[in-house]
Amino acid sequence: MIVAKHVLISGRVQGVWFRATTKEKAEEYNIKGWVRNTSDGKVEAVFIGEEEDVEKMIQWCHHGPPLARVEKVEVSSYPSTEDFKDFTIRY
């Protein structure tokens, strides 16, 4: 089943290759969607894909890349499974 999740990651998550590594992991799990930094120092992402793959992606977000220090991961449903062609980094 295809699911769509909105994820907000807090902690030391900017300037530690979080977005680039998220993109690599998303492509590994065949996830569509996007990731971006927020103005308040968080990383925000939308993951769309098979439920099991999206769950793996969310679990990865709890630790992120080696230099990250994740303090909190907030997950909510995303209102659409719009047809993203791939996974992108938004600026």
C-alpha atoms as a PDB file:
ATOM      1  CA  MET A   1       0.000   0.000   0.000  1.00  0.00           C
ATOM      2  CA  ILE A   2       1.305   3.450  -0.933  1.00  0.00           C
ATOM      3  CA  VAL A   3       1.491   5.898   1.985  1.00  0.00           C
ATOM      4  CA  ALA A   4       2.561   9.534   2.297  1.00  0.00           C
ATOM      5  CA  LYS A   5       4.187  10.926   5.447  1.00  0.00           C
ATOM      6  CA  HIS A   6       5.346  14.382   6.477  1.00  0.00           C
ATOM      7  CA  VAL A   7       8.416  14.300   8.738  1.00  0.00           C
ATOM      8  CA  LEU A   8      10.018  17.083  10.777  1.00  0.00           C
ATOM      9  CA  ILE A   9      13.446  16.352  12.276  1.00  0.00           C
ATOM     10  CA  SER A  10      14.934  18.484  15.073  1.00  0.00           C
ATOM     11  CA  GLY A  11      18.390  18.632  16.604  1.00  0.00           C
ATOM     12  CA  ARG A  12      21.769  19.158  14.971  1.00  0.00           C
ATOM     13  CA  VAL A  13      20.465  18.335  11.519  1.00  0.00           C
ATOM     14  CA  GLN A  14      21.610  21.196   9.295  1.00  0.00           C
ATOM     15  CA  GLY A  15      25.159  21.437   7.992  1.00  0.00           C
ATOM     16  CA  VAL A  16      25.764  17.706   8.543  1.00  0.00           C
ATOM     17  CA  TRP A  17      24.791  16.350   5.092  1.00  0.00           C
ATOM     18  CA  PHE A  18      21.305  15.406   6.310  1.00  0.00           C
ATOM     19  CA  ARG A  19      19.501  16.397   3.100  1.00  0.00           C
ATOM     20  CA  ALA A  20      21.997  14.742   0.765  1.00  0.00           C
ATOM     21  CA  THR A  21      22.070  11.538   2.783  1.00  0.00           C
ATOM     22  CA  THR A  22      18.266  11.530   3.046  1.00  0.00           C
ATOM     23  CA  LYS A  23      18.094  11.726  -0.751  1.00  0.00           C
ATOM     24  CA  GLU A  24      20.499   8.781  -1.093  1.00  0.00           C
ATOM     25  CA  LYS A  25      18.513   6.683   1.394  1.00  0.00           C
ATOM     26  CA  ALA A  26      15.192   7.602  -0.225  1.00  0.00           C
ATOM     27  CA  GLU A  27      16.489   6.490  -3.609  1.00  0.00           C
ATOM     28  CA  GLU A  28      17.749   3.246  -2.027  1.00  0.00           C
ATOM     29  CA  TYR A  29      14.240   2.560  -0.648  1.00  0.00           C
ATOM     30  CA  ASN A  30      12.471   3.734  -3.840  1.00  0.00           C
ATOM     31  CA  ILE A  31      10.829   6.633  -1.988  1.00  0.00           C
ATOM     32  CA  LYS A  32       9.466   9.664  -3.832  1.00  0.00           C
ATOM     33  CA  GLY A  33       9.042  13.135  -2.357  1.00  0.00           C
ATOM     34  CA  TRP A  34      11.366  15.857  -1.100  1.00  0.00           C
ATOM     35  CA  VAL A  35      13.564  17.133   1.741  1.00  0.00           C
ATOM     36  CA  ARG A  36      14.547  20.686   2.752  1.00  0.00           C
ATOM     37  CA  ASN A  37      15.994  22.752   5.574  1.00  0.00           C
ATOM     38  CA  THR A  38      13.579  24.992   7.467  1.00  0.00           C
ATOM     39  CA  SER A  39      14.336  28.507   8.666  1.00  0.00           C
ATOM     40  CA  ASP A  40      14.163  27.377  12.313  1.00  0.00           C
ATOM     41  CA  GLY A  41      17.001  24.834  11.992  1.00  0.00           C
ATOM     42  CA  LYS A  42      14.983  21.674  11.327  1.00  0.00           C
ATOM     43  CA  VAL A  43      14.848  19.353   8.354  1.00  0.00           C
ATOM     44  CA  GLU A  44      11.448  18.733   6.754  1.00  0.00           C
ATOM     45  CA  ALA A  45      10.627  15.886   4.386  1.00  0.00           C
ATOM     46  CA  VAL A  46       7.775  14.169   2.590  1.00  0.00           C
ATOM     47  CA  PHE A  47       8.142  10.445   1.939  1.00  0.00           C
ATOM     48  CA  ILE A  48       5.815   8.658  -0.492  1.00  0.00           C
ATOM     49  CA  GLY A  49       6.130   4.971  -1.198  1.00  0.00           C
ATOM     50  CA  GLU A  50       5.318   1.477  -0.027  1.00  0.00           C
ATOM     51  CA  GLU A  51       4.398   1.529   3.660  1.00  0.00           C
ATOM     52  CA  GLU A  52       7.283  -0.735   4.693  1.00  0.00           C
ATOM     53  CA  ASP A  53       9.839   1.388   2.827  1.00  0.00           C
ATOM     54  CA  VAL A  54       8.470   4.645   4.250  1.00  0.00           C
ATOM     55  CA  GLU A  55       8.711   3.165   7.762  1.00  0.00           C
ATOM     56  CA  LYS A  56      12.365   2.217   7.122  1.00  0.00           C
ATOM     57  CA  MET A  57      13.021   5.774   5.977  1.00  0.00           C
ATOM     58  CA  ILE A  58      11.392   7.234   9.089  1.00  0.00           C
ATOM     59  CA  GLN A  59      13.433   4.914  11.317  1.00  0.00           C
ATOM     60  CA  TRP A  60      16.604   6.079   9.564  1.00  0.00           C
ATOM     61  CA  CYS A  61      15.617   9.695  10.326  1.00  0.00           C
ATOM     62  CA  HIS A  62      15.856   8.948  14.053  1.00  0.00           C
ATOM     63  CA  HIS A  63      19.664   8.898  13.735  1.00  0.00           C
ATOM     64  CA  GLY A  64      20.417  10.349  10.280  1.00  0.00           C
ATOM     65  CA  PRO A  65      23.956  10.678   8.918  1.00  0.00           C
ATOM     66  CA  PRO A  66      26.998  10.209  11.201  1.00  0.00           C
ATOM     67  CA  LEU A  67      27.467  13.906  12.126  1.00  0.00           C
ATOM     68  CA  ALA A  68      23.795  14.511  12.981  1.00  0.00           C
ATOM     69  CA  ARG A  69      22.364  14.539  16.483  1.00  0.00           C
ATOM     70  CA  VAL A  70      18.646  13.947  16.151  1.00  0.00           C
ATOM     71  CA  GLU A  71      16.602  15.066  19.150  1.00  0.00           C
ATOM     72  CA  LYS A  72      13.069  14.657  17.834  1.00  0.00           C
ATOM     73  CA  VAL A  73      11.238  13.206  14.832  1.00  0.00           C
ATOM     74  CA  GLU A  74       7.633  14.264  14.284  1.00  0.00           C
ATOM     75  CA  VAL A  75       5.593  12.227  11.803  1.00  0.00           C
ATOM     76  CA  SER A  76       2.155  13.002  10.406  1.00  0.00           C
ATOM     77  CA  SER A  77       0.100  11.954   7.430  1.00  0.00           C
ATOM     78  CA  TYR A  78       0.656  13.905   4.252  1.00  0.00           C
ATOM     79  CA  PRO A  79      -2.609  14.823   2.517  1.00  0.00           C
ATOM     80  CA  SER A  80      -1.616  13.604  -0.914  1.00  0.00           C
ATOM     81  CA  THR A  81       0.189  10.825  -2.693  1.00  0.00           C
ATOM     82  CA  GLU A  82       0.694  13.121  -5.671  1.00  0.00           C
ATOM     83  CA  ASP A  83       2.739  11.591  -8.416  1.00  0.00           C
ATOM     84  CA  PHE A  84       6.287  12.702  -7.644  1.00  0.00           C
ATOM     85  CA  LYS A  85       8.703  11.464 -10.291  1.00  0.00           C
ATOM     86  CA  ASP A  86      11.634  11.138  -7.883  1.00  0.00           C
ATOM     87  CA  PHE A  87      13.081  12.378  -4.599  1.00  0.00           C
ATOM     88  CA  THR A  88      14.446  15.924  -4.598  1.00  0.00           C
ATOM     89  CA  ILE A  89      16.229  18.358  -2.345  1.00  0.00           C
ATOM     90  CA  ARG A  90      14.273  21.596  -2.119  1.00  0.00           C
ATOM     91  CA  TYR A  91      15.924  24.924  -1.403  1.00  0.00           C
END
